[in-house]
Amino acid sequence: MSSRAFAFILATALVAGLSPALAVVGGTTSQDVRGARASTLRVETSRGELCSGAAIAPELVLTAAHCLMGGGSVSVVSLDPRFRARRHAVIAVLPHPSFVPGTTPRTQPGTDLAMLRLAAPLPADIQPVTLGGGLWQGETVTMAGFGLSVEDNKKTARRLRETRLVNAGNYTTQNTVKVAVDAEAKGESPGAGACRGDSGGPVLRGNAHSRDLVGIVSWSSGPLNSRARRICGGFTAITPVSEHRSWITEAAARLLAMGPNPRQLEREPPAAGYSWWFSR
């Protein structure tokens, strides 16, 4: 598919409907204890928001900023080696300073990333990912998340799923994201991809055993050739971490420097351009 044809197909699909990526449709349930389970987390708020996240350090989780704009306290759920849920308290949230609350994925001019600081380190069986390099067009990646596997069925959420996708290139409106598609469907017909609940989930270079994080899921759209209005199974938009490495590194250092009592920072406001809040 030419770049011009791809851009036309994507733009048409976006007009049909897009959404913050809230589960993996067309994917498989994660069952490998050494796979996505070891780095993918569930992010929940007290106001009912469900997203996913990636462990990047024992006390730090990278996710999508739009997941946290509804307010309320935040917690994270990891899966133990038997895939049983364990809840972890979040004590501070730090969104990317360029993120603009209240905008849609298509009109978001900033960067859809946020970092969470946990109250205590994650269990030793969780293996944080490392920040990878840039994505190239045609590269195969693995995405994982806790979202819906059936777009219209909320009961299919909260189970970890994963799928392989192909990076089809850049998509630019107010900002630039990478767009990944099912290798066979190519975004034209229903295929694998992100859905409601997958926002913030990791995109890993290669297979699910990889610890090379190349992106964070931001939003999804339905396929081009769909009679019904769909927001899943077409295009998966990814915020590439390589382009925001400096902020991720700086944010991690600031959050880890807070010590056991993060509210001490209320007496020492963060540098200009940062906006964070405490989860409890």
C-alpha atoms as a PDB file:
ATOM      1  CA  MET A   1       0.000   0.000   0.000  1.00  0.00           C
ATOM      2  CA  SER A   2       1.409   3.400  -0.954  1.00  0.00           C
ATOM      3  CA  SER A   3       1.845   6.076   1.696  1.00  0.00           C
ATOM      4  CA  ARG A   4      -0.753   8.249  -0.043  1.00  0.00           C
ATOM      5  CA  ALA A   5      -3.299   5.416  -0.134  1.00  0.00           C
ATOM      6  CA  PHE A   6      -2.595   4.606   3.516  1.00  0.00           C
ATOM      7  CA  ALA A   7      -3.122   8.230   4.541  1.00  0.00           C
ATOM      8  CA  PHE A   8      -6.448   8.348   2.685  1.00  0.00           C
ATOM      9  CA  ILE A   9      -7.694   5.109   4.230  1.00  0.00           C
ATOM     10  CA  LEU A  10      -6.699   6.203   7.725  1.00  0.00           C
ATOM     11  CA  ALA A  11      -8.280   9.634   7.385  1.00  0.00           C
ATOM     12  CA  THR A  12     -11.517   8.049   6.162  1.00  0.00           C
ATOM     13  CA  ALA A  13     -11.581   5.601   9.031  1.00  0.00           C
ATOM     14  CA  LEU A  14     -11.013   8.395  11.537  1.00  0.00           C
ATOM     15  CA  VAL A  15     -13.996  10.284  10.209  1.00  0.00           C
ATOM     16  CA  ALA A  16     -16.046   7.130  10.797  1.00  0.00           C
ATOM     17  CA  GLY A  17     -15.032   7.042  14.438  1.00  0.00           C
ATOM     18  CA  LEU A  18     -12.126   6.812  16.831  1.00  0.00           C
ATOM     19  CA  SER A  19     -11.767   6.429  20.560  1.00  0.00           C
ATOM     20  CA  PRO A  20      -9.204   6.358  23.302  1.00  0.00           C
ATOM     21  CA  ALA A  21      -8.037   2.750  23.222  1.00  0.00           C
ATOM     22  CA  LEU A  22      -9.708   1.353  26.298  1.00  0.00           C
ATOM     23  CA  ALA A  23      -8.820  -4.078  24.966  1.00  0.00           C
ATOM     24  CA  VAL A  24      -7.298  -6.184  22.386  1.00  0.00           C
ATOM     25  CA  VAL A  25      -9.768  -7.364  19.756  1.00  0.00           C
ATOM     26  CA  GLY A  26      -8.627 -10.214  17.570  1.00  0.00           C
ATOM     27  CA  GLY A  27      -5.862 -11.052  20.036  1.00  0.00           C
ATOM     28  CA  THR A  28      -5.119 -13.993  22.305  1.00  0.00           C
ATOM     29  CA  THR A  29      -5.322 -14.363  26.074  1.00  0.00           C
ATOM     30  CA  SER A  30      -1.855 -14.069  27.621  1.00  0.00           C
ATOM     31  CA  GLN A  31      -0.854 -17.352  29.248  1.00  0.00           C
ATOM     32  CA  ASP A  32       2.954 -17.254  29.287  1.00  0.00           C
ATOM     33  CA  VAL A  33       4.221 -16.305  32.728  1.00  0.00           C
ATOM     34  CA  ARG A  34       7.372 -14.834  31.129  1.00  0.00           C
ATOM     35  CA  GLY A  35       5.474 -12.899  28.484  1.00  0.00           C
ATOM     36  CA  ALA A  36       3.297  -9.785  28.645  1.00  0.00           C
ATOM     37  CA  ARG A  37       2.204 -10.643  32.200  1.00  0.00           C
ATOM     38  CA  ALA A  38       5.633  -9.697  33.499  1.00  0.00           C
ATOM     39  CA  SER A  39       5.455  -6.070  32.355  1.00  0.00           C
ATOM     40  CA  THR A  40       1.821  -5.151  31.594  1.00  0.00           C
ATOM     41  CA  LEU A  41      -0.351  -3.676  34.347  1.00  0.00           C
ATOM     42  CA  ARG A  42      -3.984  -2.678  34.721  1.00  0.00           C
ATOM     43  CA  VAL A  43      -4.629   0.960  35.633  1.00  0.00           C
ATOM     44  CA  GLU A  44      -7.913   1.855  37.361  1.00  0.00           C
ATOM     45  CA  THR A  45      -9.384   4.984  38.911  1.00  0.00           C
ATOM     46  CA  SER A  46     -11.984   5.315  41.654  1.00  0.00           C
ATOM     47  CA  ARG A  47     -14.281   6.905  39.055  1.00  0.00           C
ATOM     48  CA  GLY A  48     -14.400   3.795  36.912  1.00  0.00           C
ATOM     49  CA  GLU A  49     -11.720   4.484  34.293  1.00  0.00           C
ATOM     50  CA  LEU A  50      -9.941   1.368  32.994  1.00  0.00           C
ATOM     51  CA  CYS A  51      -6.633   1.472  31.136  1.00  0.00           C
ATOM     52  CA  SER A  52      -3.372  -0.424  30.886  1.00  0.00           C
ATOM     53  CA  GLY A  53       0.242   0.452  31.651  1.00  0.00           C
ATOM     54  CA  ALA A  54       3.849  -0.680  31.420  1.00  0.00           C
ATOM     55  CA  ALA A  55       6.202  -1.171  34.355  1.00  0.00           C
ATOM     56  CA  ILE A  56       9.411   0.755  33.644  1.00  0.00           C
ATOM     57  CA  ALA A  57      10.891   0.461  37.152  1.00  0.00           C
ATOM     58  CA  PRO A  58       9.862  -1.336  40.367  1.00  0.00           C
ATOM     59  CA  GLU A  59       7.967   1.773  41.527  1.00  0.00           C
ATOM     60  CA  LEU A  60       7.105   3.433  38.199  1.00  0.00           C
ATOM     61  CA  VAL A  61       4.414   2.816  35.569  1.00  0.00           C
ATOM     62  CA  LEU A  62       4.127   4.516  32.174  1.00  0.00           C
ATOM     63  CA  THR A  63       0.604   4.932  30.782  1.00  0.00           C
ATOM     64  CA  ALA A  64      -1.551   7.269  28.663  1.00  0.00           C
ATOM     65  CA  ALA A  65      -2.329  10.693  30.124  1.00  0.00           C
ATOM     66  CA  HIS A  66      -5.938  10.757  28.919  1.00  0.00           C
ATOM     67  CA  CYS A  67      -6.698   7.765  31.169  1.00  0.00           C
ATOM     68  CA  LEU A  68      -6.253   9.918  34.267  1.00  0.00           C
ATOM     69  CA  MET A  69      -8.104  13.106  33.388  1.00  0.00           C
ATOM     70  CA  GLY A  70     -11.366  12.029  35.064  1.00  0.00           C
ATOM     71  CA  GLY A  71      -9.910  12.511  38.538  1.00  0.00           C
ATOM     72  CA  GLY A  72     -10.222  10.249  41.547  1.00  0.00           C
ATOM     73  CA  SER A  73      -7.642   8.041  43.188  1.00  0.00           C
ATOM     74  CA  VAL A  74      -5.566   5.707  41.027  1.00  0.00           C
ATOM     75  CA  SER A  75      -4.436   2.136  41.600  1.00  0.00           C
ATOM     76  CA  VAL A  76      -2.547  -0.455  39.587  1.00  0.00           C
ATOM     77  CA  VAL A  77      -3.173  -4.196  39.288  1.00  0.00           C
ATOM     78  CA  SER A  78      -0.447  -6.704  38.457  1.00  0.00           C
ATOM     79  CA  LEU A  79      -0.820 -10.422  37.764  1.00  0.00           C
ATOM     80  CA  ASP A  80       1.161 -12.949  39.789  1.00  0.00           C
ATOM     81  CA  PRO A  81       2.734 -16.018  38.101  1.00  0.00           C
ATOM     82  CA  ARG A  82      -0.641 -17.794  38.414  1.00  0.00           C
ATOM     83  CA  PHE A  83      -2.364 -14.790  36.771  1.00  0.00           C
ATOM     84  CA  ARG A  84      -4.091 -13.777  39.997  1.00  0.00           C
ATOM     85  CA  ALA A  85      -4.684 -10.057  40.498  1.00  0.00           C
ATOM     86  CA  ARG A  86      -2.731  -7.986  43.040  1.00  0.00           C
ATOM     87  CA  ARG A  87      -3.576  -4.335  43.703  1.00  0.00           C
ATOM     88  CA  HIS A  88      -0.952  -1.649  44.297  1.00  0.00           C
ATOM     89  CA  ALA A  89      -1.505   1.889  45.577  1.00  0.00           C
ATOM     90  CA  VAL A  90      -0.460   4.877  43.468  1.00  0.00           C
ATOM     91  CA  ILE A  91       0.767   7.906  45.421  1.00  0.00           C
ATOM     92  CA  ALA A  92       1.563  10.398  42.638  1.00  0.00           C
ATOM     93  CA  VAL A  93       0.651  11.041  39.003  1.00  0.00           C
ATOM     94  CA  LEU A  94       2.749  13.074  36.586  1.00  0.00           C
ATOM     95  CA  PRO A  95       1.319  13.737  33.091  1.00  0.00           C
ATOM     96  CA  HIS A  96       3.452  15.013  30.228  1.00  0.00           C
ATOM     97  CA  PRO A  97       3.482  18.837  30.484  1.00  0.00           C
ATOM     98  CA  SER A  98       2.273  19.261  26.890  1.00  0.00           C
ATOM     99  CA  PHE A  99      -0.862  17.155  27.343  1.00  0.00           C
ATOM    100  CA  VAL A 100      -4.102  19.178  27.094  1.00  0.00           C
ATOM    101  CA  PRO A 101      -7.062  17.770  29.096  1.00  0.00           C
ATOM    102  CA  GLY A 102     -10.472  17.742  27.467  1.00  0.00           C
ATOM    103  CA  THR A 103      -9.278  17.197  23.916  1.00  0.00           C
ATOM    104  CA  THR A 104     -10.082  14.205  21.726  1.00  0.00           C
ATOM    105  CA  PRO A 105      -7.327  11.912  20.426  1.00  0.00           C
ATOM    106  CA  ARG A 106      -7.640  13.517  17.016  1.00  0.00           C
ATOM    107  CA  THR A 107      -7.303  17.087  18.326  1.00  0.00           C
ATOM    108  CA  GLN A 108      -4.780  16.398  21.112  1.00  0.00           C
ATOM    109  CA  PRO A 109      -1.845  18.743  20.448  1.00  0.00           C
ATOM    110  CA  GLY A 110       0.374  17.375  23.187  1.00  0.00           C
ATOM    111  CA  THR A 111       1.893  14.069  24.215  1.00  0.00           C
ATOM    112  CA  ASP A 112      -0.418  11.378  25.583  1.00  0.00           C
ATOM    113  CA  LEU A 113       1.896  10.058  28.294  1.00  0.00           C
ATOM    114  CA  ALA A 114       1.802   9.996  32.092  1.00  0.00           C
ATOM    115  CA  MET A 115       3.891   8.373  34.793  1.00  0.00           C
ATOM    116  CA  LEU A 116       2.661   6.855  38.049  1.00  0.00           C
ATOM    117  CA  ARG A 117       4.638   6.458  41.266  1.00  0.00           C
ATOM    118  CA  LEU A 118       3.659   3.446  43.364  1.00  0.00           C
ATOM    119  CA  ALA A 119       3.602   3.384  47.153  1.00  0.00           C
ATOM    120  CA  ALA A 120       5.901   0.356  47.203  1.00  0.00           C
ATOM    121  CA  PRO A 121       7.972  -1.601  44.677  1.00  0.00           C
ATOM    122  CA  LEU A 122       6.194  -4.143  42.492  1.00  0.00           C
ATOM    123  CA  PRO A 123       6.730  -7.841  43.322  1.00  0.00           C
ATOM    124  CA  ALA A 124       9.983  -9.386  42.102  1.00  0.00           C
ATOM    125  CA  ASP A 125       8.196 -11.455  39.428  1.00  0.00           C
ATOM    126  CA  ILE A 126       7.340  -8.236  37.542  1.00  0.00           C
ATOM    127  CA  GLN A 127      10.159  -7.394  35.125  1.00  0.00           C
ATOM    128  CA  PRO A 128      10.227  -3.728  34.093  1.00  0.00           C
ATOM    129  CA  VAL A 129      10.767  -2.944  30.432  1.00  0.00           C
ATOM    130  CA  THR A 130      13.538  -0.752  29.068  1.00  0.00           C
ATOM    131  CA  LEU A 131      13.088   2.190  26.711  1.00  0.00           C
ATOM    132  CA  GLY A 132      13.665   1.090  23.120  1.00  0.00           C
ATOM    133  CA  GLY A 133      14.687   2.917  19.983  1.00  0.00           C
ATOM    134  CA  GLY A 134      12.561   4.274  17.163  1.00  0.00           C
ATOM    135  CA  LEU A 135       9.992   2.256  15.230  1.00  0.00           C
ATOM    136  CA  TRP A 136      10.500   1.719  11.517  1.00  0.00           C
ATOM    137  CA  GLN A 137       7.786   1.258   8.935  1.00  0.00           C
ATOM    138  CA  GLY A 138       6.887  -2.384   8.373  1.00  0.00           C
ATOM    139  CA  GLU A 139       8.241  -3.509  11.743  1.00  0.00           C
ATOM    140  CA  THR A 140       6.250  -6.148  13.650  1.00  0.00           C
ATOM    141  CA  VAL A 141       5.488  -5.360  17.273  1.00  0.00           C
ATOM    142  CA  THR A 142       3.455  -6.864  20.109  1.00  0.00           C
ATOM    143  CA  MET A 143       0.858  -4.863  21.999  1.00  0.00           C
ATOM    144  CA  ALA A 144      -0.814  -5.982  25.215  1.00  0.00           C
ATOM    145  CA  GLY A 145      -3.656  -4.671  27.339  1.00  0.00           C
ATOM    146  CA  PHE A 146      -6.615  -5.331  29.594  1.00  0.00           C
ATOM    147  CA  GLY A 147      -9.338  -3.914  27.364  1.00  0.00           C
ATOM    148  CA  LEU A 148     -12.334  -5.378  25.623  1.00  0.00           C
ATOM    149  CA  SER A 149     -12.039  -8.337  23.301  1.00  0.00           C
ATOM    150  CA  VAL A 150     -15.589  -7.683  22.050  1.00  0.00           C
ATOM    151  CA  GLU A 151     -16.253  -4.019  21.369  1.00  0.00           C
ATOM    152  CA  ASP A 152     -19.852  -3.968  22.616  1.00  0.00           C
ATOM    153  CA  ASN A 153     -19.378  -6.247  25.622  1.00  0.00           C
ATOM    154  CA  LYS A 154     -17.954  -4.628  28.767  1.00  0.00           C
ATOM    155  CA  LYS A 155     -17.743  -8.030  30.453  1.00  0.00           C
ATOM    156  CA  THR A 156     -14.842  -8.982  28.153  1.00  0.00           C
ATOM    157  CA  ALA A 157     -12.494  -6.431  29.774  1.00  0.00           C
ATOM    158  CA  ARG A 158      -9.915  -6.899  32.559  1.00  0.00           C
ATOM    159  CA  ARG A 159      -8.279  -9.975  31.061  1.00  0.00           C
ATOM    160  CA  LEU A 160      -4.745  -9.582  29.707  1.00  0.00           C
ATOM    161  CA  ARG A 161      -4.542 -10.102  25.956  1.00  0.00           C
ATOM    162  CA  GLU A 162      -1.906  -9.533  23.324  1.00  0.00           C
ATOM    163  CA  THR A 163      -1.541  -9.415  19.560  1.00  0.00           C
ATOM    164  CA  ARG A 164       1.040  -8.835  16.838  1.00  0.00           C
ATOM    165  CA  LEU A 165       0.709  -5.743  14.656  1.00  0.00           C
ATOM    166  CA  VAL A 166       2.679  -4.080  11.878  1.00  0.00           C
ATOM    167  CA  ASN A 167       3.762  -0.445  12.041  1.00  0.00           C
ATOM    168  CA  ALA A 168       2.226   1.204   8.970  1.00  0.00           C
ATOM    169  CA  GLY A 169       3.873   4.597   9.466  1.00  0.00           C
ATOM    170  CA  ASN A 170       3.191   8.039  10.901  1.00  0.00           C
ATOM    171  CA  TYR A 171      -0.147   9.793  11.262  1.00  0.00           C
ATOM    172  CA  THR A 172      -0.078  13.522  11.999  1.00  0.00           C
ATOM    173  CA  THR A 173      -2.837  15.902  13.044  1.00  0.00           C
ATOM    174  CA  GLN A 174      -2.038  18.102  16.040  1.00  0.00           C
ATOM    175  CA  ASN A 175       0.699  15.675  17.028  1.00  0.00           C
ATOM    176  CA  THR A 176       2.386  12.670  15.426  1.00  0.00           C
ATOM    177  CA  VAL A 177       1.779   9.042  16.356  1.00  0.00           C
ATOM    178  CA  LYS A 178       2.720   5.716  14.821  1.00  0.00           C
ATOM    179  CA  VAL A 179      -0.193   3.699  13.437  1.00  0.00           C
ATOM    180  CA  ALA A 180      -0.140  -0.103  13.570  1.00  0.00           C
ATOM    181  CA  VAL A 181      -2.486  -2.512  11.810  1.00  0.00           C
ATOM    182  CA  ASP A 182      -3.295  -6.199  11.540  1.00  0.00           C
ATOM    183  CA  ALA A 183      -0.872  -7.627   8.975  1.00  0.00           C
ATOM    184  CA  GLU A 184      -3.657  -9.245   6.948  1.00  0.00           C
ATOM    185  CA  ALA A 185      -6.559  -6.825   7.400  1.00  0.00           C
ATOM    186  CA  LYS A 186      -4.338  -3.709   6.990  1.00  0.00           C
ATOM    187  CA  GLY A 187      -6.998  -1.577   8.655  1.00  0.00           C
ATOM    188  CA  GLU A 188      -9.387  -2.018   5.755  1.00  0.00           C
ATOM    189  CA  SER A 189     -11.385  -4.938   7.207  1.00  0.00           C
ATOM    190  CA  PRO A 190     -11.901  -6.005  10.836  1.00  0.00           C
ATOM    191  CA  GLY A 191      -8.706  -7.326  12.366  1.00  0.00           C
ATOM    192  CA  ALA A 192      -6.615  -7.320  15.504  1.00  0.00           C
ATOM    193  CA  GLY A 193      -5.941  -4.107  17.344  1.00  0.00           C
ATOM    194  CA  ALA A 194      -6.525  -1.990  20.407  1.00  0.00           C
ATOM    195  CA  CYS A 195      -9.950  -1.358  21.897  1.00  0.00           C
ATOM    196  CA  ARG A 196     -11.499   0.193  24.996  1.00  0.00           C
ATOM    197  CA  GLY A 197      -9.213  -0.398  27.985  1.00  0.00           C
ATOM    198  CA  ASP A 198      -5.922  -0.823  26.092  1.00  0.00           C
ATOM    199  CA  SER A 199      -4.871   2.820  26.327  1.00  0.00           C
ATOM    200  CA  GLY A 200      -1.531   3.060  28.079  1.00  0.00           C
ATOM    201  CA  GLY A 201      -0.620  -0.535  27.269  1.00  0.00           C
ATOM    202  CA  PRO A 202       2.909  -1.417  26.151  1.00  0.00           C
ATOM    203  CA  VAL A 203       3.999  -1.869  22.565  1.00  0.00           C
ATOM    204  CA  LEU A 204       7.050  -4.123  22.534  1.00  0.00           C
ATOM    205  CA  ARG A 205       9.616  -4.671  19.820  1.00  0.00           C
ATOM    206  CA  GLY A 206       9.269  -8.231  18.535  1.00  0.00           C
ATOM    207  CA  ASN A 207       7.375 -10.778  20.624  1.00  0.00           C
ATOM    208  CA  ALA A 208       5.723 -10.744  24.039  1.00  0.00           C
ATOM    209  CA  HIS A 209       8.956 -11.927  25.738  1.00  0.00           C
ATOM    210  CA  SER A 210      10.605  -8.665  24.719  1.00  0.00           C
ATOM    211  CA  ARG A 211      11.459  -6.072  27.349  1.00  0.00           C
ATOM    212  CA  ASP A 212      12.152  -3.457  24.675  1.00  0.00           C
ATOM    213  CA  LEU A 213       9.376  -0.852  24.997  1.00  0.00           C
ATOM    214  CA  VAL A 214       8.920   1.139  21.796  1.00  0.00           C
ATOM    215  CA  GLY A 215       5.526   2.737  22.408  1.00  0.00           C
ATOM    216  CA  ILE A 216       2.418   3.281  24.497  1.00  0.00           C
ATOM    217  CA  VAL A 217      -1.087   2.731  23.068  1.00  0.00           C
ATOM    218  CA  SER A 218      -3.067   5.975  22.779  1.00  0.00           C
ATOM    219  CA  TRP A 219      -6.217   5.473  20.664  1.00  0.00           C
ATOM    220  CA  SER A 220      -7.885   3.216  18.137  1.00  0.00           C
ATOM    221  CA  SER A 221     -10.267   3.414  15.221  1.00  0.00           C
ATOM    222  CA  GLY A 222     -12.491   0.944  13.416  1.00  0.00           C
ATOM    223  CA  PRO A 223     -11.668  -0.573  10.021  1.00  0.00           C
ATOM    224  CA  LEU A 224     -12.413   1.278   6.825  1.00  0.00           C
ATOM    225  CA  ASN A 225     -14.764  -1.314   5.332  1.00  0.00           C
ATOM    226  CA  SER A 226     -17.252  -1.718   8.158  1.00  0.00           C
ATOM    227  CA  ARG A 227     -20.990  -1.306   7.770  1.00  0.00           C
ATOM    228  CA  ALA A 228     -21.423  -0.472  11.440  1.00  0.00           C
ATOM    229  CA  ARG A 229     -19.642   2.365  13.212  1.00  0.00           C
ATOM    230  CA  ARG A 230     -16.671   0.806  14.969  1.00  0.00           C
ATOM    231  CA  ILE A 231     -13.885   2.171  17.130  1.00  0.00           C
ATOM    232  CA  CYS A 232     -11.794  -1.012  17.422  1.00  0.00           C
ATOM    233  CA  GLY A 233     -10.136  -3.536  15.137  1.00  0.00           C
ATOM    234  CA  GLY A 234      -8.812  -1.099  12.552  1.00  0.00           C
ATOM    235  CA  PHE A 235      -5.952   1.262  13.396  1.00  0.00           C
ATOM    236  CA  THR A 236      -3.981   1.366  16.648  1.00  0.00           C
ATOM    237  CA  ALA A 237      -2.252   4.676  17.407  1.00  0.00           C
ATOM    238  CA  ILE A 238       1.002   4.477  19.345  1.00  0.00           C
ATOM    239  CA  THR A 239       2.930   7.218  21.128  1.00  0.00           C
ATOM    240  CA  PRO A 240       6.597   6.325  20.437  1.00  0.00           C
ATOM    241  CA  VAL A 241       8.776   6.421  23.562  1.00  0.00           C
ATOM    242  CA  SER A 242      12.008   7.172  21.691  1.00  0.00           C
ATOM    243  CA  GLU A 243      10.770  10.683  20.897  1.00  0.00           C
ATOM    244  CA  HIS A 244      10.014  11.393  24.560  1.00  0.00           C
ATOM    245  CA  ARG A 245      12.933   9.648  26.244  1.00  0.00           C
ATOM    246  CA  SER A 246      14.287  12.803  27.879  1.00  0.00           C
ATOM    247  CA  TRP A 247      10.952  13.587  29.569  1.00  0.00           C
ATOM    248  CA  ILE A 248      10.486   9.964  30.688  1.00  0.00           C
ATOM    249  CA  THR A 249      13.966   9.935  32.214  1.00  0.00           C
ATOM    250  CA  GLU A 250      13.498  13.294  33.947  1.00  0.00           C
ATOM    251  CA  ALA A 251      10.010  12.432  35.209  1.00  0.00           C
ATOM    252  CA  ALA A 252      11.257   9.128  36.604  1.00  0.00           C
ATOM    253  CA  ALA A 253      14.049  10.880  38.486  1.00  0.00           C
ATOM    254  CA  ARG A 254      11.661  13.451  39.975  1.00  0.00           C
ATOM    255  CA  LEU A 255       9.141  10.866  41.100  1.00  0.00           C
ATOM    256  CA  LEU A 256      11.767   8.587  42.630  1.00  0.00           C
ATOM    257  CA  ALA A 257      13.303  11.532  44.470  1.00  0.00           C
ATOM    258  CA  MET A 258      10.063  12.155  46.355  1.00  0.00           C
ATOM    259  CA  GLY A 259      10.913   9.721  49.109  1.00  0.00           C
ATOM    260  CA  PRO A 260       8.355   7.831  51.210  1.00  0.00           C
ATOM    261  CA  ASN A 261       6.252  10.972  51.843  1.00  0.00           C
ATOM    262  CA  PRO A 262       5.401  12.506  48.457  1.00  0.00           C
ATOM    263  CA  ARG A 263       3.344  15.297  50.018  1.00  0.00           C
ATOM    264  CA  GLN A 264       6.592  16.952  51.040  1.00  0.00           C
ATOM    265  CA  LEU A 265       6.615  18.291  47.478  1.00  0.00           C
ATOM    266  CA  GLU A 266       3.570  20.421  48.201  1.00  0.00           C
ATOM    267  CA  ARG A 267       6.021  22.666  50.078  1.00  0.00           C
ATOM    268  CA  GLU A 268       8.469  22.502  47.150  1.00  0.00           C
ATOM    269  CA  PRO A 269       6.496  22.977  43.909  1.00  0.00           C
ATOM    270  CA  PRO A 270       7.879  21.174  40.857  1.00  0.00           C
ATOM    271  CA  ALA A 271       9.595  23.057  38.060  1.00  0.00           C
ATOM    272  CA  ALA A 272       7.565  25.209  35.677  1.00  0.00           C
ATOM    273  CA  GLY A 273       5.723  23.241  33.041  1.00  0.00           C
ATOM    274  CA  TYR A 274       4.925  20.291  35.305  1.00  0.00           C
ATOM    275  CA  SER A 275       1.472  19.495  36.648  1.00  0.00           C
ATOM    276  CA  TRP A 276       1.091  16.570  38.999  1.00  0.00           C
ATOM    277  CA  TRP A 277      -1.229  15.480  41.735  1.00  0.00           C
ATOM    278  CA  PHE A 278      -1.322  12.997  44.555  1.00  0.00           C
ATOM    279  CA  SER A 279      -3.485   9.923  44.395  1.00  0.00           C
ATOM    280  CA  ARG A 280      -4.263   9.695  48.070  1.00  0.00           C
END
